[in-house]
Amino acid sequence: PHRRLACRPPLPPFPVPSPPVTYSAPGSCGGTNITATVSSRPTTDERLTGGKDGLYNPQTKQITWRVWVNYEDLGLKTAYIEDSIPAGQTFVPGSTRVYAYTVTGSTKHRGAMINYADGSTPGLSVTEPLPGAADQTLRVNFPDALPGAPNSKYWVEFETSIADTFIEARYTNTAVHHNDYNPTIDLPATVSDLPDGT
């Protein structure tokens, strides 16, 4: 039978570093510390083109997935990401946000949010999956940018919900990054060690 857990871990500090980090804090019922792990596990190829990680919010039972592209300023040409929402997660309509970001050393800094709906950034567009549709794929198109061009790093965030379902201990989500300047590559991320139950 499903069981309801009163103790949940809080969100880890922002931003979550790469490589994986395990965070621990007292449970909400004051008991033993609860731990959870967030991981993007970037490879060298992913680091050259982008990456991904995720954060679980136990209050809303939503996972915030974060994808970044053009990490090394290698340029963008007919570039986009597609993220097919797997079974067991529900895309939260209207949750997609696009930001600029910068990199200092190996640390990413999320910048200002970009309004992709008003046409002020030509080439930037978002297509969210429709509730109940068979195809649950999020697509974000990015403007073309020559290698080394300034202001051409993009950071995407969106939420999936795992409310009203049995909470698994591990959730994985993969964005596929297409870019004519680089080979197509999968950008996977996993949120793990969630206290299972409902």
Protein backbone atom coordinates (compact mmCIF):
# COMPACT_ATOMS: atom_id res chain seq x y z
CA PRO A 1 0.00 0.00 0.00
CA HIS A 2 1.01 3.60 -0.57
CA ARG A 3 2.32 5.42 2.47
CA ARG A 4 2.37 9.10 3.30
CA LEU A 5 5.65 10.54 4.52
CA ALA A 6 5.65 13.57 6.80
CA CYS A 7 9.40 14.19 6.58
CA ARG A 8 10.81 15.67 3.40
CA PRO A 9 14.21 17.20 2.58
CA PRO A 10 14.37 20.92 1.89
CA LEU A 11 15.66 22.28 -1.41
CA PRO A 12 19.47 22.32 -1.71
CA PRO A 13 21.33 25.60 -2.11
CA PHE A 14 21.13 27.38 -5.47
CA PRO A 15 22.88 26.95 -7.80
CA VAL A 16 23.47 23.22 -7.60
CA PRO A 17 27.10 22.50 -8.46
CA SER A 18 28.34 19.94 -10.93
CA PRO A 19 29.45 17.21 -10.25
CA PRO A 20 26.62 15.59 -8.22
CA VAL A 21 25.93 16.91 -4.75
CA THR A 22 24.23 15.27 -1.79
CA TYR A 23 22.55 17.61 0.65
CA SER A 24 21.27 16.83 4.12
CA ALA A 25 19.06 18.67 6.60
CA PRO A 26 16.77 17.82 9.51
CA GLY A 27 13.52 16.25 8.42
CA SER A 28 10.33 18.28 8.64
CA CYS A 29 9.19 16.23 11.63
CA GLY A 30 12.44 16.92 13.50
CA GLY A 31 13.86 13.45 13.15
CA THR A 32 17.02 12.10 11.59
CA ASN A 33 18.54 14.04 8.71
CA ILE A 34 17.10 13.23 5.31
CA THR A 35 19.37 13.29 2.27
CA ALA A 36 18.72 13.59 -1.45
CA THR A 37 21.05 13.73 -4.41
CA VAL A 38 20.89 15.89 -7.52
CA SER A 39 23.07 15.11 -10.47
CA SER A 40 23.79 16.27 -14.01
CA ARG A 41 26.90 14.10 -14.46
CA PRO A 42 28.33 16.10 -17.39
CA THR A 43 30.72 14.45 -19.82
CA THR A 44 33.35 16.38 -21.77
CA ASP A 45 31.11 16.49 -24.85
CA GLU A 46 28.14 17.74 -22.82
CA ARG A 47 30.30 20.45 -21.29
CA LEU A 48 31.23 21.70 -24.76
CA THR A 49 27.58 22.07 -25.78
CA GLY A 50 25.48 22.34 -22.63
CA GLY A 51 24.19 20.43 -19.66
CA LYS A 52 21.24 19.73 -17.43
CA ASP A 53 20.27 19.20 -13.80
CA GLY A 54 17.13 19.04 -11.67
CA LEU A 55 15.76 20.08 -8.27
CA TYR A 56 12.87 18.49 -6.39
CA ASN A 57 10.51 20.67 -4.35
CA PRO A 58 8.83 18.47 -1.71
CA GLN A 59 6.20 21.12 -0.93
CA THR A 60 4.84 21.32 -4.48
CA LYS A 61 5.94 17.82 -5.56
CA GLN A 62 7.41 19.38 -8.67
CA ILE A 63 10.82 18.96 -10.26
CA THR A 64 12.50 21.98 -11.79
CA TRP A 65 14.64 20.89 -14.73
CA ARG A 66 17.37 23.28 -15.88
CA VAL A 67 19.08 23.07 -19.28
CA TRP A 68 21.89 25.31 -20.50
CA VAL A 69 23.36 25.56 -24.01
CA ASN A 70 26.43 27.11 -25.68
CA TYR A 71 28.49 26.70 -22.52
CA GLU A 72 31.80 27.14 -24.32
CA ASP A 73 30.61 29.81 -26.82
CA LEU A 74 31.07 27.44 -29.75
CA GLY A 75 28.10 29.03 -31.52
CA LEU A 76 24.51 28.17 -32.33
CA LYS A 77 23.15 27.37 -35.79
CA THR A 78 19.60 26.09 -36.28
CA ALA A 79 19.93 25.06 -32.64
CA TYR A 80 17.15 23.77 -30.42
CA ILE A 81 16.43 21.40 -27.57
CA GLU A 82 13.67 18.82 -27.44
CA ASP A 83 12.69 17.32 -24.11
CA SER A 84 10.25 14.42 -24.14
CA ILE A 85 8.53 14.21 -20.76
CA PRO A 86 8.67 10.59 -19.56
CA ALA A 87 5.80 8.64 -18.05
CA GLY A 88 5.35 9.31 -14.35
CA GLN A 89 5.95 13.05 -14.78
CA THR A 90 3.46 15.67 -15.97
CA PHE A 91 4.62 18.85 -17.68
CA VAL A 92 3.42 21.96 -15.85
CA PRO A 93 1.84 24.26 -18.48
CA GLY A 94 3.30 27.74 -18.69
CA SER A 95 6.33 26.83 -16.59
CA THR A 96 9.01 27.34 -19.28
CA ARG A 97 11.40 30.20 -18.61
CA VAL A 98 14.45 31.26 -20.63
CA TYR A 99 17.37 33.20 -19.15
CA ALA A 100 20.73 34.52 -20.23
CA TYR A 101 23.69 33.17 -18.28
CA THR A 102 27.41 33.68 -17.90
CA VAL A 103 30.28 31.46 -16.81
CA THR A 104 33.07 32.38 -14.43
CA GLY A 105 35.66 29.62 -14.21
CA SER A 106 33.44 26.55 -14.01
CA THR A 107 30.53 28.31 -12.26
CA LYS A 108 27.36 29.23 -14.14
CA HIS A 109 25.50 32.43 -13.21
CA ARG A 110 21.88 32.70 -14.24
CA GLY A 111 21.06 36.17 -15.56
CA ALA A 112 17.97 38.06 -16.62
CA MET A 113 14.85 36.32 -17.84
CA ILE A 114 14.23 36.71 -21.58
CA ASN A 115 10.68 37.35 -22.80
CA TYR A 116 10.40 34.88 -25.67
CA ALA A 117 6.73 35.64 -26.29
CA ASP A 118 7.01 39.29 -27.34
CA GLY A 119 9.29 38.76 -30.34
CA SER A 120 12.05 40.95 -28.92
CA THR A 121 14.60 38.13 -29.39
CA PRO A 122 14.24 36.92 -32.99
CA GLY A 123 14.78 33.20 -33.35
CA LEU A 124 13.93 32.39 -29.74
CA SER A 125 10.68 30.44 -29.40
CA VAL A 126 9.08 27.90 -27.09
CA THR A 127 6.55 25.18 -27.90
CA GLU A 128 5.12 23.50 -24.81
CA PRO A 129 3.32 20.14 -24.90
CA LEU A 130 -0.46 20.36 -24.69
CA PRO A 131 -2.12 18.76 -21.64
CA GLY A 132 -3.38 15.31 -22.51
CA ALA A 133 -1.70 15.22 -25.93
CA ALA A 134 0.02 12.03 -27.00
CA ASP A 135 3.25 13.91 -27.75
CA GLN A 136 4.59 15.40 -24.52
CA THR A 137 7.68 17.09 -25.98
CA LEU A 138 8.93 20.54 -25.03
CA ARG A 139 10.87 22.34 -27.78
CA VAL A 140 12.93 25.51 -27.43
CA ASN A 141 14.50 27.12 -30.54
CA PHE A 142 17.54 29.37 -30.08
CA PRO A 143 18.73 32.30 -32.22
CA ASP A 144 21.74 31.71 -34.47
CA ALA A 145 25.02 32.98 -32.99
CA LEU A 146 28.53 32.84 -34.41
CA PRO A 147 31.23 31.16 -32.30
CA GLY A 148 32.37 33.56 -29.60
CA ALA A 149 29.39 35.89 -30.05
CA PRO A 150 28.41 37.70 -26.83
CA ASN A 151 25.07 37.17 -25.11
CA SER A 152 24.47 33.82 -26.79
CA LYS A 153 24.30 31.52 -23.76
CA TYR A 154 20.77 30.34 -22.93
CA TRP A 155 19.44 28.70 -19.77
CA VAL A 156 16.00 27.03 -19.83
CA GLU A 157 13.92 26.04 -16.82
CA PHE A 158 10.61 24.19 -16.64
CA GLU A 159 8.66 22.09 -14.16
CA THR A 160 7.23 18.61 -14.15
CA SER A 161 4.81 17.42 -11.50
CA ILE A 162 4.82 14.09 -9.69
CA ALA A 163 1.85 14.98 -7.48
CA ASP A 164 -1.01 12.50 -7.14
CA THR A 165 1.29 9.63 -8.03
CA PHE A 166 3.42 7.21 -6.07
CA ILE A 167 6.70 9.05 -5.47
CA GLU A 168 9.60 7.09 -6.88
CA ALA A 169 13.09 7.33 -5.41
CA ARG A 170 14.60 8.39 -8.75
CA TYR A 171 13.50 10.45 -11.76
CA THR A 172 15.39 10.97 -15.01
CA ASN A 173 14.79 13.47 -17.77
CA THR A 174 16.78 13.97 -20.98
CA ALA A 175 16.98 16.97 -23.30
CA VAL A 176 18.28 16.39 -26.83
CA HIS A 177 20.40 19.30 -28.04
CA HIS A 178 20.55 19.88 -31.81
CA ASN A 179 23.08 22.34 -33.20
CA ASP A 180 24.57 22.43 -36.71
CA TYR A 181 27.90 23.56 -35.21
CA ASN A 182 28.16 20.40 -33.06
CA PRO A 183 26.91 16.80 -33.10
CA THR A 184 23.44 16.17 -31.66
CA ILE A 185 23.85 15.11 -28.05
CA ASP A 186 21.70 13.91 -25.17
CA LEU A 187 21.77 16.00 -22.00
CA PRO A 188 20.46 13.72 -19.23
CA ALA A 189 19.80 14.62 -15.60
CA THR A 190 18.62 12.62 -12.61
CA VAL A 191 16.97 13.58 -9.34
CA SER A 192 17.50 10.70 -6.95
CA ASP A 193 17.23 9.55 -3.34
CA LEU A 194 13.76 11.04 -2.96
CA PRO A 195 11.85 9.54 -0.01
CA ASP A 196 9.49 7.19 -1.83
CA GLY A 197 5.77 7.09 -1.13
CA THR A 198 2.82 9.42 -1.70
